[in-house]
């Protein structure tokens, strides 16, 4: 079972799902793919499947944003093939037009890119401060996270 919630906040459960695949990679956005048919079990939830709807896996509460639903007629039903990315990808929606310069801690940089979002973070090690040769900022949040991972030498995942 998966829970689908559209952008208006309406939610319902997909009860019958096929080919559920979760691809997880450190330092990258997780991807969820699945198929279903809009039969009587899934009819109401199927109407909620559209780009930017949120899919929640109840077993671990992880959330994924639908990017590409493909709908194919299948007799009197329709078959859906859905691709969704972890909601961490919404850092891409956050353009940070400010900058940091000189020497910064990883914590200060993470505060900088998550400010004004619902994201929190945990740093599970100690990292030396990093001196930026140029300004850090003026980019999308996910791009800045990738830059930090390279500069500070860490791996990350979204939970």
N, C-alpha and C. Protein backbone atom coordinates (compact mmCIF):
# COMPACT_ATOMS: atom_id res chain seq x y z
N UNK A 1 0.84 -1.18 0.00
CA UNK A 1 0.00 0.00 0.00
C UNK A 1 0.89 1.25 0.00
N UNK A 2 0.47 2.25 -0.76
CA UNK A 2 1.11 3.56 -0.80
C UNK A 2 0.04 4.61 -0.59
N UNK A 3 0.40 5.70 0.04
CA UNK A 3 -0.53 6.81 0.25
C UNK A 3 -0.19 7.90 -0.77
N UNK A 4 -1.20 8.37 -1.49
CA UNK A 4 -1.03 9.44 -2.48
C UNK A 4 -1.72 10.69 -1.95
N UNK A 5 -1.02 11.82 -1.99
CA UNK A 5 -1.59 13.10 -1.55
C UNK A 5 -1.32 14.12 -2.64
N UNK A 6 -2.40 14.71 -3.19
CA UNK A 6 -2.20 15.69 -4.26
C UNK A 6 -1.86 17.06 -3.70
N UNK A 7 -1.63 18.01 -4.56
CA UNK A 7 -1.19 19.34 -4.13
C UNK A 7 -2.28 20.11 -3.38
N UNK A 8 -3.54 19.69 -3.52
CA UNK A 8 -4.62 20.32 -2.76
C UNK A 8 -4.76 19.71 -1.36
N UNK A 9 -4.03 18.63 -1.07
CA UNK A 9 -4.07 18.01 0.24
C UNK A 9 -5.00 16.80 0.34
N UNK A 10 -5.67 16.43 -0.74
CA UNK A 10 -6.53 15.25 -0.73
C UNK A 10 -5.65 14.01 -0.79
N UNK A 11 -5.94 13.01 0.05
CA UNK A 11 -5.13 11.80 0.03
C UNK A 11 -5.97 10.54 0.07
N UNK A 12 -5.39 9.46 -0.45
CA UNK A 12 -6.04 8.16 -0.48
C UNK A 12 -4.97 7.11 -0.70
N UNK A 13 -5.31 5.86 -0.43
CA UNK A 13 -4.34 4.77 -0.52
C UNK A 13 -4.46 4.02 -1.84
N UNK A 14 -3.30 3.73 -2.44
CA UNK A 14 -3.22 2.77 -3.53
C UNK A 14 -3.05 1.41 -2.86
N UNK A 15 -3.98 0.52 -3.09
CA UNK A 15 -3.96 -0.75 -2.36
C UNK A 15 -3.28 -1.87 -3.13
N UNK A 16 -3.38 -1.85 -4.46
CA UNK A 16 -2.81 -2.91 -5.28
C UNK A 16 -1.75 -2.30 -6.19
N UNK A 17 -0.48 -2.68 -5.96
CA UNK A 17 0.65 -2.09 -6.68
C UNK A 17 1.50 -3.21 -7.25
N UNK A 18 2.07 -2.98 -8.42
CA UNK A 18 2.98 -3.95 -9.04
C UNK A 18 4.34 -3.30 -9.26
N UNK A 19 5.36 -4.13 -9.27
CA UNK A 19 6.73 -3.72 -9.65
C UNK A 19 7.23 -2.50 -8.87
N UNK A 20 7.03 -2.48 -7.58
CA UNK A 20 7.52 -1.39 -6.74
C UNK A 20 9.04 -1.52 -6.63
N UNK A 21 9.75 -0.48 -7.03
CA UNK A 21 11.21 -0.48 -6.99
C UNK A 21 11.68 0.82 -6.36
N UNK A 22 12.57 0.69 -5.40
CA UNK A 22 13.18 1.85 -4.76
C UNK A 22 14.68 1.81 -5.04
N UNK A 23 15.18 2.83 -5.70
CA UNK A 23 16.60 2.93 -6.01
C UNK A 23 17.22 3.97 -5.08
N UNK A 24 18.13 3.50 -4.22
CA UNK A 24 18.77 4.39 -3.26
C UNK A 24 20.26 4.46 -3.55
N UNK A 25 20.79 5.68 -3.59
CA UNK A 25 22.20 5.91 -3.85
C UNK A 25 22.69 7.01 -2.93
N UNK A 26 23.78 6.75 -2.19
CA UNK A 26 24.35 7.81 -1.36
C UNK A 26 24.72 9.00 -2.24
N UNK A 27 24.48 10.19 -1.74
CA UNK A 27 24.85 11.40 -2.46
C UNK A 27 23.97 11.69 -3.65
N UNK A 28 22.77 11.10 -3.66
CA UNK A 28 21.86 11.30 -4.78
C UNK A 28 20.43 11.23 -4.25
N UNK A 29 19.50 11.61 -5.08
CA UNK A 29 18.09 11.57 -4.71
C UNK A 29 17.54 10.18 -4.99
N UNK A 30 16.88 9.57 -4.01
CA UNK A 30 16.28 8.25 -4.20
C UNK A 30 15.13 8.33 -5.20
N UNK A 31 14.93 7.22 -5.92
CA UNK A 31 13.87 7.16 -6.92
C UNK A 31 12.95 5.97 -6.63
N UNK A 32 11.67 6.22 -6.71
CA UNK A 32 10.65 5.19 -6.51
C UNK A 32 9.90 5.02 -7.83
N UNK A 33 9.72 3.77 -8.26
CA UNK A 33 8.91 3.50 -9.44
C UNK A 33 7.91 2.40 -9.08
N UNK A 34 6.74 2.47 -9.67
CA UNK A 34 5.72 1.44 -9.45
C UNK A 34 4.66 1.53 -10.54
N UNK A 35 3.90 0.45 -10.65
CA UNK A 35 2.80 0.36 -11.61
C UNK A 35 1.54 -0.02 -10.85
N UNK A 36 0.41 0.38 -11.39
CA UNK A 36 -0.87 -0.08 -10.85
C UNK A 36 -1.96 0.10 -11.90
N UNK A 37 -3.06 -0.57 -11.68
CA UNK A 37 -4.24 -0.46 -12.54
C UNK A 37 -5.33 0.24 -11.74
N UNK A 38 -6.07 1.11 -12.39
CA UNK A 38 -7.10 1.88 -11.68
C UNK A 38 -8.38 1.06 -11.52
N UNK A 39 -8.24 -0.13 -10.95
CA UNK A 39 -9.39 -0.98 -10.66
C UNK A 39 -10.14 -0.44 -9.44
N UNK A 40 -11.11 -1.19 -8.94
CA UNK A 40 -11.93 -0.69 -7.83
C UNK A 40 -11.10 -0.40 -6.58
N UNK A 41 -10.01 -1.16 -6.35
CA UNK A 41 -9.13 -0.92 -5.20
C UNK A 41 -8.41 0.42 -5.29
N UNK A 42 -8.12 0.85 -6.49
CA UNK A 42 -7.25 2.02 -6.70
C UNK A 42 -7.94 3.20 -7.37
N UNK A 43 -9.22 3.10 -7.67
CA UNK A 43 -9.92 4.11 -8.47
C UNK A 43 -9.79 5.53 -7.89
N UNK A 44 -10.05 5.70 -6.60
CA UNK A 44 -10.02 7.03 -5.99
C UNK A 44 -8.59 7.57 -5.96
N UNK A 45 -7.65 6.75 -5.52
CA UNK A 45 -6.25 7.19 -5.43
C UNK A 45 -5.68 7.51 -6.81
N UNK A 46 -6.12 6.79 -7.84
CA UNK A 46 -5.61 7.02 -9.19
C UNK A 46 -5.87 8.45 -9.66
N UNK A 47 -6.99 9.01 -9.22
CA UNK A 47 -7.32 10.40 -9.60
C UNK A 47 -6.37 11.41 -8.97
N UNK A 48 -5.64 11.01 -7.96
CA UNK A 48 -4.70 11.90 -7.27
C UNK A 48 -3.30 11.84 -7.86
N UNK A 49 -3.06 10.90 -8.75
CA UNK A 49 -1.73 10.70 -9.33
C UNK A 49 -1.51 11.73 -10.43
N UNK A 50 -0.62 12.67 -10.15
CA UNK A 50 -0.26 13.73 -11.10
C UNK A 50 1.09 14.29 -10.66
N UNK A 51 1.78 14.99 -11.56
CA UNK A 51 3.07 15.56 -11.17
C UNK A 51 2.94 16.42 -9.90
N UNK A 52 3.89 16.25 -9.01
CA UNK A 52 4.05 16.96 -7.73
C UNK A 52 3.16 16.42 -6.61
N UNK A 53 2.35 15.38 -6.89
CA UNK A 53 1.65 14.70 -5.80
C UNK A 53 2.69 13.94 -4.98
N UNK A 54 2.41 13.74 -3.70
CA UNK A 54 3.35 13.08 -2.80
C UNK A 54 2.92 11.63 -2.56
N UNK A 55 3.87 10.72 -2.68
CA UNK A 55 3.67 9.31 -2.39
C UNK A 55 4.40 9.02 -1.08
N UNK A 56 3.68 8.44 -0.12
CA UNK A 56 4.29 8.08 1.16
C UNK A 56 4.28 6.56 1.30
N UNK A 57 5.44 6.02 1.69
CA UNK A 57 5.54 4.60 2.00
C UNK A 57 5.26 4.47 3.49
N UNK A 58 4.12 3.89 3.89
CA UNK A 58 3.75 3.86 5.31
C UNK A 58 4.75 3.14 6.21
N UNK A 59 5.45 2.13 5.69
CA UNK A 59 6.37 1.37 6.53
C UNK A 59 7.54 2.18 7.06
N UNK A 60 7.98 3.19 6.30
CA UNK A 60 9.12 3.99 6.76
C UNK A 60 8.86 5.50 6.72
N UNK A 61 7.66 5.90 6.32
CA UNK A 61 7.26 7.31 6.24
C UNK A 61 8.07 8.15 5.26
N UNK A 62 8.81 7.52 4.37
CA UNK A 62 9.56 8.28 3.37
C UNK A 62 8.59 8.83 2.33
N UNK A 63 8.86 10.02 1.84
CA UNK A 63 7.97 10.68 0.90
C UNK A 63 8.69 10.94 -0.41
N UNK A 64 7.94 10.78 -1.49
CA UNK A 64 8.46 10.93 -2.85
C UNK A 64 7.49 11.78 -3.65
N UNK A 65 8.03 12.65 -4.49
CA UNK A 65 7.20 13.51 -5.31
C UNK A 65 7.12 12.93 -6.71
N UNK A 66 5.89 12.76 -7.19
CA UNK A 66 5.69 12.21 -8.53
C UNK A 66 6.22 13.19 -9.57
N UNK A 67 7.04 12.66 -10.46
CA UNK A 67 7.55 13.47 -11.56
C UNK A 67 6.88 13.10 -12.87
N UNK A 68 6.73 11.81 -13.11
CA UNK A 68 6.23 11.35 -14.40
C UNK A 68 5.25 10.21 -14.24
N UNK A 69 3.96 10.48 -14.32
CA UNK A 69 3.01 9.37 -14.42
C UNK A 69 2.69 9.12 -15.90
N UNK A 70 2.76 7.88 -16.31
CA UNK A 70 2.40 7.51 -17.67
C UNK A 70 1.15 6.65 -17.59
N UNK A 71 0.12 7.05 -18.32
CA UNK A 71 -1.17 6.36 -18.25
C UNK A 71 -1.45 5.72 -19.61
N UNK A 72 -1.74 4.40 -19.58
CA UNK A 72 -1.99 3.64 -20.80
C UNK A 72 -3.34 2.96 -20.69
N UNK A 73 -4.21 3.11 -21.70
CA UNK A 73 -5.50 2.39 -21.67
C UNK A 73 -5.26 0.88 -21.63
N UNK A 74 -6.09 0.20 -20.84
CA UNK A 74 -5.97 -1.25 -20.68
C UNK A 74 -7.40 -1.81 -20.58
N UNK A 75 -8.05 -1.94 -21.73
CA UNK A 75 -9.45 -2.37 -21.73
C UNK A 75 -10.31 -1.31 -21.06
N UNK A 76 -11.10 -1.72 -20.06
CA UNK A 76 -11.95 -0.75 -19.37
C UNK A 76 -11.21 -0.03 -18.24
N UNK A 77 -9.97 -0.38 -18.02
CA UNK A 77 -9.14 0.25 -17.00
C UNK A 77 -8.00 1.02 -17.65
N UNK A 78 -7.21 1.65 -16.80
CA UNK A 78 -5.99 2.31 -17.25
C UNK A 78 -4.84 1.79 -16.40
N UNK A 79 -3.70 1.61 -17.04
CA UNK A 79 -2.50 1.20 -16.31
C UNK A 79 -1.61 2.43 -16.11
N UNK A 80 -1.13 2.60 -14.89
CA UNK A 80 -0.27 3.72 -14.54
C UNK A 80 1.15 3.20 -14.31
N UNK A 81 2.12 3.88 -14.86
CA UNK A 81 3.53 3.66 -14.57
C UNK A 81 4.02 4.97 -13.97
N UNK A 82 4.48 4.93 -12.72
CA UNK A 82 4.79 6.15 -11.98
C UNK A 82 6.25 6.18 -11.58
N UNK A 83 6.86 7.33 -11.77
CA UNK A 83 8.21 7.61 -11.28
C UNK A 83 8.11 8.78 -10.31
N UNK A 84 8.76 8.62 -9.16
CA UNK A 84 8.74 9.67 -8.14
C UNK A 84 10.14 9.78 -7.53
N UNK A 85 10.53 11.00 -7.21
CA UNK A 85 11.82 11.27 -6.57
C UNK A 85 11.59 11.67 -5.12
N UNK A 86 12.55 11.32 -4.27
CA UNK A 86 12.44 11.69 -2.86
C UNK A 86 12.20 13.19 -2.74
N UNK A 87 11.41 13.58 -1.74
CA UNK A 87 11.08 15.00 -1.59
C UNK A 87 12.32 15.86 -1.36
N UNK A 88 13.44 15.25 -1.06
CA UNK A 88 14.69 16.01 -0.96
C UNK A 88 15.01 16.77 -2.23
N UNK A 89 14.46 16.30 -3.35
CA UNK A 89 14.71 16.98 -4.61
C UNK A 89 14.07 18.36 -4.66
N UNK A 90 13.17 18.66 -3.71
CA UNK A 90 12.57 19.99 -3.70
C UNK A 90 13.58 21.07 -3.29
N UNK A 91 14.76 20.65 -2.83
CA UNK A 91 15.82 21.66 -2.62
C UNK A 91 16.12 22.37 -3.93
N UNK A 92 15.81 21.73 -5.05
CA UNK A 92 16.01 22.35 -6.35
C UNK A 92 15.09 23.57 -6.52
N UNK A 93 13.96 23.56 -5.84
CA UNK A 93 13.02 24.69 -5.92
C UNK A 93 13.52 25.92 -5.19
N UNK A 94 14.52 25.73 -4.33
CA UNK A 94 15.04 26.80 -3.48
C UNK A 94 16.25 27.44 -4.16
N UNK A 95 16.06 28.63 -4.74
CA UNK A 95 17.20 29.35 -5.31
C UNK A 95 17.74 30.28 -4.23
N UNK A 96 19.03 30.14 -3.95
CA UNK A 96 19.66 30.94 -2.91
C UNK A 96 20.48 32.02 -3.60
N UNK A 97 19.99 33.26 -3.49
CA UNK A 97 20.65 34.36 -4.20
C UNK A 97 21.66 35.10 -3.34
N UNK A 98 21.90 34.60 -2.13
CA UNK A 98 22.93 35.18 -1.26
C UNK A 98 24.19 34.34 -1.40
N UNK A 99 25.27 34.81 -0.78
CA UNK A 99 26.53 34.07 -0.85
C UNK A 99 27.25 34.06 0.49
N UNK A 100 28.08 33.06 0.65
CA UNK A 100 29.03 32.99 1.75
C UNK A 100 30.41 33.11 1.12
N UNK A 101 31.34 33.66 1.86
CA UNK A 101 32.71 33.78 1.36
C UNK A 101 33.69 33.34 2.44
N UNK A 102 34.92 33.23 2.03
CA UNK A 102 36.04 32.92 2.93
C UNK A 102 35.89 31.54 3.56
N UNK A 103 36.28 31.40 4.81
CA UNK A 103 36.29 30.11 5.50
C UNK A 103 34.97 29.89 6.24
N UNK A 104 34.37 28.70 6.02
CA UNK A 104 33.08 28.39 6.62
C UNK A 104 33.09 26.97 7.19
N UNK A 105 32.26 26.74 8.19
CA UNK A 105 32.08 25.39 8.71
C UNK A 105 30.99 24.69 7.89
N UNK A 106 30.99 23.38 7.93
CA UNK A 106 29.94 22.62 7.24
C UNK A 106 28.58 22.97 7.84
N UNK A 107 28.49 23.11 9.14
CA UNK A 107 27.23 23.44 9.79
C UNK A 107 26.70 24.79 9.29
N UNK A 108 27.56 25.80 9.19
CA UNK A 108 27.13 27.11 8.69
C UNK A 108 26.63 27.01 7.25
N UNK A 109 27.31 26.22 6.44
CA UNK A 109 26.90 26.05 5.04
C UNK A 109 25.56 25.33 4.94
N UNK A 110 25.36 24.30 5.77
CA UNK A 110 24.09 23.57 5.76
C UNK A 110 22.95 24.46 6.25
N UNK A 111 23.19 25.26 7.25
CA UNK A 111 22.17 26.22 7.70
C UNK A 111 21.82 27.17 6.57
N UNK A 112 22.82 27.58 5.82
CA UNK A 112 22.66 28.51 4.71
C UNK A 112 21.73 27.93 3.64
N UNK A 113 21.93 26.66 3.27
CA UNK A 113 21.12 26.10 2.18
C UNK A 113 19.75 25.57 2.64
N UNK A 114 19.58 25.33 3.93
CA UNK A 114 18.28 24.84 4.40
C UNK A 114 17.41 25.92 5.04
N UNK A 115 17.95 27.11 5.17
CA UNK A 115 17.19 28.22 5.76
C UNK A 115 15.93 28.48 4.94
N UNK A 116 14.80 28.58 5.62
CA UNK A 116 13.55 28.86 4.94
C UNK A 116 12.88 27.63 4.34
N UNK A 117 13.44 26.44 4.57
CA UNK A 117 12.84 25.19 4.09
C UNK A 117 12.37 24.38 5.29
N UNK A 118 11.73 23.25 5.02
CA UNK A 118 11.32 22.33 6.08
C UNK A 118 12.41 21.31 6.39
N UNK A 119 13.55 21.42 5.72
CA UNK A 119 14.62 20.44 5.89
C UNK A 119 15.43 20.70 7.15
N UNK A 120 15.78 19.62 7.82
CA UNK A 120 16.75 19.65 8.90
C UNK A 120 17.86 18.70 8.49
N UNK A 121 18.94 18.71 9.22
CA UNK A 121 20.07 17.86 8.86
C UNK A 121 20.79 17.42 10.12
N UNK A 122 21.54 16.35 9.98
CA UNK A 122 22.43 15.88 11.05
C UNK A 122 23.79 15.64 10.43
N UNK A 123 24.82 16.09 11.11
CA UNK A 123 26.20 15.86 10.67
C UNK A 123 26.76 14.78 11.59
N UNK A 124 27.15 13.65 11.01
CA UNK A 124 27.55 12.48 11.79
C UNK A 124 29.06 12.32 11.92
N UNK A 125 29.81 13.36 11.71
CA UNK A 125 31.26 13.29 11.81
C UNK A 125 31.76 14.71 12.04
N UNK A 126 33.06 14.87 12.18
CA UNK A 126 33.61 16.22 12.27
C UNK A 126 34.34 16.52 10.97
N UNK A 127 34.21 17.75 10.53
CA UNK A 127 34.82 18.19 9.28
C UNK A 127 35.56 19.49 9.52
N UNK A 128 36.72 19.59 8.92
CA UNK A 128 37.47 20.84 9.01
C UNK A 128 36.72 21.92 8.24
N UNK A 129 36.92 23.16 8.65
CA UNK A 129 36.34 24.27 7.91
C UNK A 129 36.91 24.28 6.49
N UNK A 130 36.15 24.87 5.60
CA UNK A 130 36.56 24.92 4.19
C UNK A 130 36.68 26.37 3.77
N UNK A 131 37.75 26.68 3.03
CA UNK A 131 37.95 28.03 2.51
C UNK A 131 37.55 28.04 1.04
N UNK A 132 36.51 28.80 0.74
CA UNK A 132 36.03 28.90 -0.64
C UNK A 132 36.92 29.84 -1.44
N UNK A 133 37.35 29.38 -2.61
CA UNK A 133 38.17 30.24 -3.46
C UNK A 133 37.31 31.29 -4.15
N UNK A 134 36.02 30.98 -4.29
CA UNK A 134 35.06 31.93 -4.83
C UNK A 134 33.89 31.98 -3.86
N UNK A 135 32.87 32.71 -4.21
CA UNK A 135 31.68 32.78 -3.37
C UNK A 135 30.94 31.45 -3.41
N UNK A 136 30.26 31.11 -2.31
CA UNK A 136 29.40 29.94 -2.24
C UNK A 136 27.96 30.43 -2.16
N UNK A 137 27.16 30.11 -3.15
CA UNK A 137 25.76 30.55 -3.19
C UNK A 137 25.38 30.89 -4.61
N UNK A 138 24.35 31.72 -4.76
CA UNK A 138 23.83 32.08 -6.07
C UNK A 138 23.57 30.84 -6.93
N UNK A 139 22.85 29.88 -6.34
CA UNK A 139 22.54 28.64 -7.05
C UNK A 139 21.36 27.97 -6.36
N UNK A 140 20.89 26.90 -6.94
CA UNK A 140 19.80 26.12 -6.35
C UNK A 140 20.32 25.28 -5.19
N UNK A 141 19.45 25.03 -4.21
CA UNK A 141 19.84 24.33 -3.00
C UNK A 141 20.46 22.97 -3.24
N UNK A 142 19.91 22.19 -4.18
CA UNK A 142 20.46 20.86 -4.43
C UNK A 142 21.85 20.94 -5.06
N UNK A 143 22.07 21.93 -5.91
CA UNK A 143 23.39 22.11 -6.51
C UNK A 143 24.41 22.51 -5.44
N UNK A 144 23.98 23.35 -4.51
CA UNK A 144 24.89 23.75 -3.43
C UNK A 144 25.21 22.57 -2.51
N UNK A 145 24.24 21.69 -2.28
CA UNK A 145 24.50 20.50 -1.47
C UNK A 145 25.55 19.61 -2.15
N UNK A 146 25.43 19.44 -3.45
CA UNK A 146 26.42 18.66 -4.20
C UNK A 146 27.81 19.30 -4.11
N UNK A 147 27.85 20.62 -4.21
CA UNK A 147 29.12 21.34 -4.08
C UNK A 147 29.73 21.11 -2.70
N UNK A 148 28.90 21.20 -1.66
CA UNK A 148 29.40 20.96 -0.30
C UNK A 148 29.94 19.54 -0.13
N UNK A 149 29.22 18.57 -0.68
CA UNK A 149 29.67 17.17 -0.57
C UNK A 149 31.05 17.01 -1.20
N UNK A 150 31.27 17.67 -2.32
CA UNK A 150 32.58 17.60 -2.97
C UNK A 150 33.64 18.37 -2.19
N UNK A 151 33.31 19.57 -1.74
CA UNK A 151 34.28 20.42 -1.05
C UNK A 151 34.68 19.85 0.32
N UNK A 152 33.70 19.41 1.09
CA UNK A 152 33.96 18.91 2.44
C UNK A 152 34.27 17.41 2.45
N UNK A 153 33.95 16.71 1.36
CA UNK A 153 34.24 15.29 1.28
C UNK A 153 33.31 14.42 2.12
N UNK A 154 32.00 14.63 2.00
CA UNK A 154 31.06 13.81 2.74
C UNK A 154 30.05 13.16 1.80
N UNK A 155 29.36 12.16 2.32
CA UNK A 155 28.26 11.54 1.61
C UNK A 155 26.99 11.89 2.35
N UNK A 156 25.85 11.90 1.64
CA UNK A 156 24.60 12.27 2.28
C UNK A 156 23.47 11.40 1.76
N UNK A 157 22.41 11.37 2.53
CA UNK A 157 21.17 10.76 2.09
C UNK A 157 20.02 11.50 2.74
N UNK A 158 18.83 11.37 2.16
CA UNK A 158 17.65 12.03 2.70
C UNK A 158 16.81 11.04 3.47
N UNK A 159 16.33 11.46 4.61
CA UNK A 159 15.47 10.62 5.44
C UNK A 159 14.32 11.47 5.92
